[in-house]
Protein backbone atom coordinates (compact mmCIF):
# COMPACT_ATOMS: atom_id res chain seq x y z
CA UNK A 1 11.48 -4.22 -27.52
CA UNK A 2 12.69 -7.83 -26.65
CA UNK A 3 14.43 -10.64 -28.96
CA UNK A 4 13.51 -9.93 -32.50
CA UNK A 5 13.53 -11.83 -35.94
CA UNK A 6 16.16 -9.89 -36.82
CA UNK A 7 18.40 -10.75 -33.18
CA UNK A 8 17.20 -14.57 -34.45
CA UNK A 9 18.30 -14.62 -37.60
CA UNK A 10 21.44 -12.65 -36.78
CA UNK A 11 22.48 -15.58 -34.31
CA UNK A 12 20.78 -18.44 -36.32
CA UNK A 13 22.08 -17.55 -40.04
CA UNK A 14 25.77 -19.02 -39.47
CA UNK A 15 25.18 -21.35 -36.36
CA UNK A 16 21.99 -23.26 -37.64
CA UNK A 17 22.23 -22.01 -41.33
CA UNK A 18 18.86 -20.15 -40.79
CA UNK A 19 17.45 -17.91 -44.09
CA UNK A 20 14.72 -15.74 -44.22
CA UNK A 21 12.67 -16.67 -47.75
CA UNK A 22 9.71 -14.35 -46.99
CA UNK A 23 7.95 -11.51 -44.89
CA UNK A 24 10.76 -9.45 -44.23
CA UNK A 25 9.45 -6.30 -43.44
CA UNK A 26 8.23 -8.29 -40.04
CA UNK A 27 12.13 -8.44 -39.46
CA UNK A 28 11.72 -6.28 -36.16
CA UNK A 29 9.00 -8.60 -34.65
CA UNK A 30 9.78 -9.73 -31.05
CA UNK A 31 9.91 -13.21 -29.83
CA UNK A 32 7.70 -14.37 -26.38
CA UNK A 33 8.61 -17.83 -26.61
CA UNK A 34 9.38 -20.50 -29.12
CA UNK A 35 7.43 -24.19 -29.69
CA UNK A 36 7.16 -26.80 -32.18
CA UNK A 37 4.00 -27.12 -33.82
CA UNK A 38 2.43 -29.62 -36.07
CA UNK A 39 -1.22 -29.30 -35.77
CA UNK A 40 -3.25 -26.22 -35.61
CA UNK A 41 -5.16 -26.54 -33.00
CA UNK A 42 -3.11 -25.19 -29.58
CA UNK A 43 -2.78 -21.73 -32.07
CA UNK A 44 -6.04 -20.69 -30.95
CA UNK A 45 -4.87 -20.53 -27.77
CA UNK A 46 -1.90 -18.27 -28.75
CA UNK A 47 -1.30 -15.05 -26.78
CA UNK A 48 1.12 -13.27 -29.10
CA UNK A 49 4.56 -13.19 -30.18
CA UNK A 50 5.07 -16.97 -30.32
CA UNK A 51 7.95 -18.11 -32.89
CA UNK A 52 6.66 -21.28 -34.26
CA UNK A 53 8.80 -24.39 -35.64
CA UNK A 54 7.72 -27.08 -37.71
CA UNK A 55 8.91 -29.91 -39.38
CA UNK A 56 6.42 -30.00 -41.81
CA UNK A 57 4.73 -33.21 -40.74
CA UNK A 58 1.22 -32.24 -40.80
CA UNK A 59 1.40 -29.42 -43.40
CA UNK A 60 2.87 -31.17 -46.10
CA UNK A 61 0.26 -30.20 -48.64
CA UNK A 62 0.65 -26.63 -49.83
CA UNK A 63 -2.63 -25.50 -48.77
CA UNK A 64 -2.12 -26.92 -45.18
CA UNK A 65 1.11 -24.85 -44.84
CA UNK A 66 -0.73 -22.01 -46.61
CA UNK A 67 -3.37 -22.07 -43.88
CA UNK A 68 -0.86 -22.36 -41.02
CA UNK A 69 0.96 -19.45 -42.47
CA UNK A 70 -2.55 -17.61 -42.44
CA UNK A 71 -3.82 -18.53 -38.72
CA UNK A 72 0.00 -18.09 -36.85
CA UNK A 73 -0.68 -14.38 -38.70
CA UNK A 74 -4.03 -14.18 -37.61
CA UNK A 75 -3.35 -15.10 -34.03
CA UNK A 76 -0.28 -12.34 -34.01
CA UNK A 77 2.62 -15.07 -34.04
CA UNK A 78 6.04 -13.32 -34.53
CA UNK A 79 6.91 -15.85 -37.26
CA UNK A 80 7.36 -19.17 -38.74
CA UNK A 81 10.35 -21.26 -39.24
CA UNK A 82 9.93 -24.49 -41.22
CA UNK A 83 12.73 -27.19 -41.01
CA UNK A 84 12.88 -27.89 -44.83
CA UNK A 85 14.69 -31.01 -46.48
CA UNK A 86 12.75 -33.71 -45.52
CA UNK A 87 8.42 -33.44 -45.21
CA UNK A 88 8.72 -30.20 -47.03
CA UNK A 89 11.25 -29.88 -49.90
CA UNK A 90 10.57 -26.23 -50.78
CA UNK A 91 8.62 -22.91 -49.68
CA UNK A 92 5.39 -23.08 -52.07
CA UNK A 93 5.61 -19.42 -54.02
CA UNK A 94 1.53 -19.15 -52.63
CA UNK A 95 2.56 -19.35 -48.90
CA UNK A 96 5.77 -16.93 -49.54
CA UNK A 97 3.43 -14.73 -51.34
CA UNK A 98 1.12 -14.48 -48.36
CA UNK A 99 4.31 -14.01 -45.61
CA UNK A 100 5.61 -10.94 -48.04
CA UNK A 101 1.74 -9.35 -48.37
CA UNK A 102 1.44 -9.35 -44.80
CA UNK A 103 4.91 -8.66 -43.69
CA UNK A 104 4.82 -12.26 -41.61
CA UNK A 105 8.51 -13.33 -41.37
CA UNK A 106 8.90 -17.01 -42.72
CA UNK A 107 12.54 -18.47 -42.38
CA UNK A 108 14.00 -21.95 -42.73
CA UNK A 109 16.36 -23.98 -41.43
CA UNK A 110 18.02 -27.05 -43.29
CA UNK A 111 16.54 -30.65 -42.25
CA UNK A 112 20.25 -31.86 -40.72
CA UNK A 113 19.63 -29.03 -37.97
CA UNK A 114 19.26 -30.39 -34.55
CA UNK A 115 16.46 -28.49 -33.38
CA UNK A 116 16.32 -29.26 -30.03
CA UNK A 117 19.89 -27.70 -29.73
CA UNK A 118 18.42 -24.49 -31.73
CA UNK A 119 15.39 -24.19 -29.58
CA UNK A 120 16.95 -23.94 -26.69
CA UNK A 121 19.72 -21.91 -27.12
CA UNK A 122 17.08 -19.39 -28.48
CA UNK A 123 15.06 -19.63 -25.65
CA UNK A 124 17.81 -18.81 -23.42
CA UNK A 125 18.29 -15.39 -25.42
CA UNK A 126 14.51 -14.70 -25.01
CA UNK A 127 14.50 -14.93 -21.59
CA UNK A 128 17.81 -13.29 -21.19
CA UNK A 129 16.26 -10.50 -23.30
CA UNK A 130 13.12 -10.19 -21.53
CA UNK A 131 15.02 -9.85 -18.23
CA UNK A 132 17.11 -6.82 -19.61
CA UNK A 133 14.00 -5.66 -21.07
CA UNK A 134 12.07 -5.58 -17.41
CA UNK A 135 15.33 -3.83 -16.47
CA UNK A 136 15.07 -1.23 -19.09
CA UNK A 137 11.50 -0.97 -18.37
CA UNK A 138 12.18 0.13 -14.70
CA UNK A 139 15.09 2.42 -15.66
CA UNK A 140 12.90 4.22 -18.15
CA UNK A 141 10.15 4.74 -14.81
CA UNK A 142 12.76 6.30 -12.84
CA UNK A 143 13.88 8.78 -15.42
CA UNK A 144 9.89 9.86 -16.04
CA UNK A 145 9.21 9.69 -12.16
CA UNK A 146 12.76 11.35 -10.92
CA UNK A 147 14.42 12.87 -13.84
CA UNK A 148 17.08 14.42 -11.51
CA UNK A 149 18.47 11.30 -9.65
CA UNK A 150 20.41 10.11 -12.86
CA UNK A 151 22.23 7.36 -10.73
CA UNK A 152 18.90 5.45 -10.77
CA UNK A 153 18.53 4.58 -14.61
CA UNK A 154 21.93 6.10 -16.78
CA UNK A 155 23.76 2.89 -15.83
CA UNK A 156 20.84 0.62 -16.86
CA UNK A 157 19.81 2.78 -19.89
CA UNK A 158 23.37 3.69 -21.36
CA UNK A 159 24.45 0.32 -22.88
CA UNK A 160 20.90 0.25 -24.94
CA UNK A 161 20.39 4.05 -25.54
CA UNK A 162 21.95 7.58 -26.79
CA UNK A 163 21.31 9.20 -23.89
CA UNK A 164 22.31 12.55 -24.89
CA UNK A 165 20.25 11.82 -28.31
CA UNK A 166 16.79 12.84 -29.05
CA UNK A 167 13.80 11.23 -27.26
CA UNK A 168 10.09 11.03 -28.13
CA UNK A 169 7.07 9.08 -26.23
CA UNK A 170 4.02 7.85 -27.35
CA UNK A 171 1.06 6.57 -25.14
CA UNK A 172 -1.54 4.08 -26.17
CA UNK A 173 -4.43 3.82 -24.33
CA UNK A 174 -7.80 1.68 -24.88
CA UNK A 175 -9.59 3.40 -21.98
CA UNK A 176 -9.43 -0.04 -19.69
CA UNK A 177 -5.89 -1.38 -19.23
CA UNK A 178 -5.95 -0.68 -15.66
CA UNK A 179 -8.90 -2.49 -15.07
CA UNK A 180 -7.72 -5.73 -16.86
CA UNK A 181 -5.80 -8.53 -15.58
CA UNK A 182 -2.14 -9.33 -15.87
CA UNK A 183 -2.93 -11.63 -18.72
CA UNK A 184 -5.18 -9.66 -20.51
CA UNK A 185 -3.41 -6.64 -20.82
CA UNK A 186 -0.25 -9.11 -21.79
CA UNK A 187 -2.24 -10.59 -24.43
CA UNK A 188 -3.22 -7.10 -25.98
CA UNK A 189 0.66 -5.81 -25.28
CA UNK A 190 1.67 -8.75 -27.17
CA UNK A 191 -0.37 -7.61 -30.26
CA UNK A 192 0.52 -4.26 -30.40
CA UNK A 193 4.23 -4.90 -30.18
CA UNK A 194 3.73 -7.25 -33.42
CA UNK A 195 2.12 -4.17 -35.22
CA UNK A 196 4.98 -1.69 -34.15
CA UNK A 197 7.10 -2.39 -36.95
CA UNK A 198 10.91 -1.26 -38.13
CA UNK A 199 11.26 -0.21 -34.15
CA UNK A 200 13.51 -2.64 -32.45
CA UNK A 201 16.63 -1.74 -30.14
CA UNK A 202 16.10 2.20 -30.70
CA UNK A 203 12.89 2.02 -29.11
CA UNK A 204 10.95 0.14 -25.90
CA UNK A 205 7.52 -0.69 -25.24
CA UNK A 206 6.19 -1.12 -21.73
CA UNK A 207 3.15 -0.88 -19.63
CA UNK A 208 3.27 2.10 -16.89
CA UNK A 209 0.00 4.04 -14.97
CA UNK A 210 -2.87 3.00 -17.34
CA UNK A 211 -0.91 3.51 -20.70
CA UNK A 212 1.33 1.19 -22.94
CA UNK A 213 4.54 3.74 -23.26
CA UNK A 214 6.41 3.81 -26.24
CA UNK A 215 9.84 5.31 -26.07
CA UNK A 216 11.94 6.05 -29.46
CA UNK A 217 15.30 7.23 -29.10
CA UNK A 218 17.87 8.86 -31.91
CA UNK A 219 15.48 8.67 -34.64
CA UNK A 220 14.36 11.67 -36.77
CA UNK A 221 10.89 13.17 -36.46
CA UNK A 222 9.77 11.75 -39.90
CA UNK A 223 10.99 8.19 -39.43
CA UNK A 224 8.88 8.16 -35.83
CA UNK A 225 5.60 9.63 -37.48
CA UNK A 226 5.98 6.98 -40.26
CA UNK A 227 6.48 3.95 -37.79
CA UNK A 228 3.37 5.32 -35.60
CA UNK A 229 1.05 6.09 -38.17
CA UNK A 230 1.74 2.28 -39.58
CA UNK A 231 0.92 1.06 -36.15
CA UNK A 232 -2.11 3.04 -35.76
CA UNK A 233 -3.02 1.60 -39.55
CA UNK A 234 -2.41 -1.92 -38.41
CA UNK A 235 -4.50 -1.64 -35.22
CA UNK A 236 -7.64 -0.48 -37.38
CA UNK A 237 -7.18 -3.38 -39.65
CA UNK A 238 -6.08 -6.08 -36.90
CA UNK A 239 -8.14 -4.92 -33.77
CA UNK A 240 -11.43 -3.08 -35.17
CA UNK A 241 -13.30 -3.86 -32.18
CA UNK A 242 -11.24 -2.06 -29.96
CA UNK A 243 -10.98 1.42 -29.74
CA UNK A 244 -7.56 2.79 -28.90
CA UNK A 245 -6.14 6.15 -28.41
CA UNK A 246 -2.27 7.33 -29.18
CA UNK A 247 -0.51 10.58 -28.34
CA UNK A 248 2.82 11.35 -29.21
CA UNK A 249 4.72 13.97 -27.89
CA UNK A 250 7.49 15.92 -29.97
CA UNK A 251 11.32 15.07 -30.06
CA UNK A 252 13.42 16.42 -27.03
CA UNK A 253 16.75 15.83 -26.65
CA UNK A 254 18.48 14.22 -23.56
CA UNK A 255 17.31 11.80 -21.18
CA UNK A 256 16.78 14.03 -18.64
CA UNK A 257 14.23 15.60 -20.73
CA UNK A 258 12.28 11.85 -21.11
CA UNK A 259 9.78 12.93 -18.39
CA UNK A 260 8.86 16.17 -20.57
CA UNK A 261 8.26 14.23 -23.58
CA UNK A 262 6.16 11.66 -21.47
CA UNK A 263 4.06 14.68 -20.18
CA UNK A 264 3.42 16.31 -23.59
CA UNK A 265 2.40 12.24 -24.87
CA UNK A 266 -0.21 12.53 -21.96
CA UNK A 267 -1.54 15.57 -22.98
CA UNK A 268 -1.93 14.61 -26.43
CA UNK A 269 -3.46 11.16 -25.08
CA UNK A 270 -5.88 12.93 -23.27
CA UNK A 271 -6.72 15.18 -26.92
CA UNK A 272 -7.21 11.76 -28.58
CA UNK A 273 -9.41 10.28 -25.67
CA UNK A 274 -11.58 13.18 -25.93
CA UNK A 275 -11.96 13.26 -29.24
CA UNK A 276 -13.16 9.84 -28.98
CA UNK A 277 -15.38 10.52 -26.40
CA UNK A 278 -17.52 13.43 -28.61
CA UNK A 279 -17.51 13.70 -31.92
CA UNK A 280 -13.95 13.58 -33.00
CA UNK A 281 -14.02 17.40 -33.84
CA UNK A 282 -11.60 19.79 -32.68
CA UNK A 283 -12.78 23.65 -32.21
CA UNK A 284 -10.25 25.52 -33.63
CA UNK A 285 -8.00 24.22 -36.97
CA UNK A 286 -6.17 27.39 -37.28
CA UNK A 287 -5.72 30.86 -36.79
CA UNK A 288 -4.86 32.08 -33.38
CA UNK A 289 -5.07 28.16 -32.52
CA UNK A 290 -1.75 27.49 -34.27
CA UNK A 291 -3.16 25.24 -36.63
CA UNK A 292 -4.63 21.95 -34.32
CA UNK A 293 -5.68 19.30 -36.73
CA UNK A 294 -9.95 19.22 -37.49
CA UNK A 295 -10.39 15.56 -36.86
CA UNK A 296 -8.23 13.00 -35.25
CA UNK A 297 -10.66 10.05 -34.98
CA UNK A 298 -10.28 7.27 -38.07
CA UNK A 299 -12.31 4.03 -37.76
CA UNK A 300 -11.60 2.82 -34.10
CA UNK A 301 -8.30 4.70 -33.74
CA UNK A 302 -7.39 8.33 -32.15
CA UNK A 303 -4.09 9.47 -32.89
CA UNK A 304 -2.79 12.43 -31.87
CA UNK A 305 0.46 14.39 -32.45
CA UNK A 306 1.51 17.05 -29.87
CA UNK A 307 3.06 19.42 -32.29
CA UNK A 308 -0.21 19.40 -34.22
CA UNK A 309 -2.27 20.40 -30.89
CA UNK A 310 -2.29 24.13 -31.45
CA UNK A 311 -2.87 25.89 -28.72
CA UNK A 312 -4.14 22.80 -27.13
CA UNK A 313 -0.85 21.86 -26.21
CA UNK A 314 -1.15 24.38 -23.31
CA UNK A 315 -4.60 23.30 -22.52
CA UNK A 316 -4.12 19.98 -22.15
CA UNK A 317 -0.57 19.86 -20.21
CA UNK A 318 -2.72 22.32 -17.26
CA UNK A 319 -3.41 19.53 -14.75
CA UNK A 320 -5.44 21.95 -12.42
CA UNK A 321 -8.74 21.06 -14.09
CA UNK A 322 -10.64 23.56 -11.71
CA UNK A 323 -8.65 26.51 -13.38
CA UNK A 324 -9.55 25.21 -16.66
CA UNK A 325 -13.52 25.14 -15.62
CA UNK A 326 -13.40 28.61 -14.35
CA UNK A 327 -11.41 30.16 -17.66
CA UNK A 328 -14.38 28.23 -19.78
CA UNK A 329 -17.71 28.68 -17.15
CA UNK A 330 -16.94 32.40 -16.04
CA UNK A 331 -16.97 34.05 -19.20
CA UNK A 332 -19.25 31.82 -21.39
CA UNK A 333 -21.85 31.70 -18.12
CA UNK A 334 -24.37 34.62 -19.44
CA UNK A 335 -24.55 33.02 -22.98
CA UNK A 336 -25.05 29.97 -21.32
CA UNK A 337 -27.87 30.89 -19.17
CA UNK A 338 -29.52 32.24 -21.95
CA UNK A 339 -29.40 29.36 -24.03
CA UNK A 340 -30.51 27.15 -21.04
CA UNK A 341 -34.17 29.55 -20.71
CA UNK A 342 -34.65 30.20 -24.37
CA UNK A 343 -33.60 27.03 -25.83
CA UNK A 344 -30.89 29.32 -28.09
CA UNK A 345 -28.03 28.77 -29.83
CA UNK A 346 -25.77 31.79 -29.01
CA UNK A 347 -22.95 29.87 -27.78
CA UNK A 348 -22.60 28.00 -30.80
CA UNK A 349 -22.98 31.13 -32.77
CA UNK A 350 -20.01 32.72 -31.15
CA UNK A 351 -18.21 29.75 -31.49
CA UNK A 352 -18.69 30.08 -35.39
CA UNK A 353 -17.91 33.57 -34.97
CA UNK A 354 -14.83 33.16 -33.62
CA UNK A 355 -13.83 29.82 -35.83
CA UNK A 356 -14.37 32.29 -39.12
CA UNK A 357 -12.77 35.46 -37.78
CA UNK A 358 -15.66 37.49 -37.72
CA UNK A 359 -16.91 36.50 -41.44
CA UNK A 360 -21.17 36.75 -41.25
CA UNK A 361 -21.05 34.86 -44.54
CA UNK A 362 -19.06 31.97 -43.39
CA UNK A 363 -20.78 31.54 -40.53
CA UNK A 364 -24.03 31.99 -42.52
CA UNK A 365 -22.76 28.66 -44.70
CA UNK A 366 -21.44 26.81 -41.93
CA UNK A 367 -24.72 27.01 -39.89
CA UNK A 368 -27.61 27.39 -42.66
CA UNK A 369 -28.74 30.62 -41.09
CA UNK A 370 -29.67 33.60 -43.03
CA UNK A 371 -27.29 36.37 -42.70
CA UNK A 372 -29.69 39.01 -41.07
CA UNK A 373 -30.35 36.24 -38.13
CA UNK A 374 -26.44 35.87 -37.53
CA UNK A 375 -26.13 39.72 -37.31
CA UNK A 376 -29.22 40.12 -34.98
CA UNK A 377 -27.89 37.41 -32.71
CA UNK A 378 -24.50 38.91 -32.88
CA UNK A 379 -26.08 42.17 -31.67
CA UNK A 380 -27.49 40.36 -28.62
CA UNK A 381 -24.52 38.14 -27.39
CA UNK A 382 -22.78 41.47 -27.52
CA UNK A 383 -25.10 42.77 -25.06
CA UNK A 384 -24.86 39.49 -22.87
CA UNK A 385 -21.08 39.88 -22.87
CA UNK A 386 -20.83 43.83 -22.72
CA UNK A 387 -17.92 43.85 -25.00
CA UNK A 388 -17.79 44.37 -28.72
CA UNK A 389 -15.40 41.32 -29.51
CA UNK A 390 -13.33 43.13 -31.47
CA UNK A 391 -10.31 43.39 -29.36
CA UNK A 392 -8.03 40.16 -30.67
CA UNK A 393 -7.34 40.22 -26.39
CA UNK A 394 -11.27 40.09 -26.07
CA UNK A 395 -11.70 37.46 -28.60
CA UNK A 396 -8.72 35.13 -27.19
CA UNK A 397 -10.65 35.14 -23.93
CA UNK A 398 -13.65 33.83 -25.19
CA UNK A 399 -11.63 31.84 -27.83
CA UNK A 400 -10.04 29.84 -25.26
CA UNK A 401 -13.26 28.92 -22.77
CA UNK A 402 -14.91 27.65 -26.09
CA UNK A 403 -11.75 25.28 -26.78
CA UNK A 404 -11.87 24.20 -23.07
CA UNK A 405 -15.39 23.32 -23.40
CA UNK A 406 -14.73 20.75 -26.00
CA UNK A 407 -11.83 19.21 -24.09
């Protein structure tokens, strides 16, 4: 996850007398590069993850320093380091409060620290960590693409991960990542990494095959959910202009199973994308489907966990799209043809019948149709399908067919 605020503080608290004075919840923010800033103009060209250092020359008034913190946060900077003791004696409480409220790291170093030496030292560390991150990304891609060839990835991953521990994968899509140029995609990646709080060296973020990939290692499922849910919430607030789809695998043990976690995350993100393309509603919310959630789209973010997908886990893992189409179209063909010729609602009625386990009362209430009309339709549906729909195995065939139509 790059060279983080936490890493910088560990290195600098003794060497440069650096202190975290506010925004400590942003400790996991990673740093792309460092720069000295004494006025606001350059901020509007930020890409994200910049760490700003200021002597306070241009921000001596409390309102000016507060505006600096606000603009840096709005432009996805990693944090702010203030060189205190000359232009700025103490950090105003209003600035501390803003940074605490928004999880924006605010640090100080005393005036006697030679900033050029500190920036040179930390910049080298950022560069070295970025090289390491690229090496880790390549090794993880090898683990996904060729899990049996352990020699291609274990040596590079062993210093950074518990390879015998648990792994989860989250995939993030905006629907157009593969169409962006590298600069634009990197800008979005930087923003998203800032939103990915509480994940540093027990995880990794990289781009691969049209998705941003988040690998989480040796964390409990509860911790992962907290991290991903918080990540999704921050995207809703900070990136309302862009639709984002997130799919999260279940937890698997051992690096050799990373490829399975990746495939399951891909199934989950495909389900999230399906919700984004339609109403966001999933056909079955319980019963034989195994408890798949009913709605996964909130605001501009669709978030789906693999272990909450019920029977859809199996369906979204099927890569043979023609097989799925056949499993759906063949059983439902008589109803599709009838509805097309009569402007009817037989298919919708069958879906309601399956969803409510045959309860005429529940169907009538959901569809706002008199129960006698429901009974009449169901009699005709049984004739068209040539079955009674009383056998659970018969119902399963039609339930799966209806579920595939919603994919």
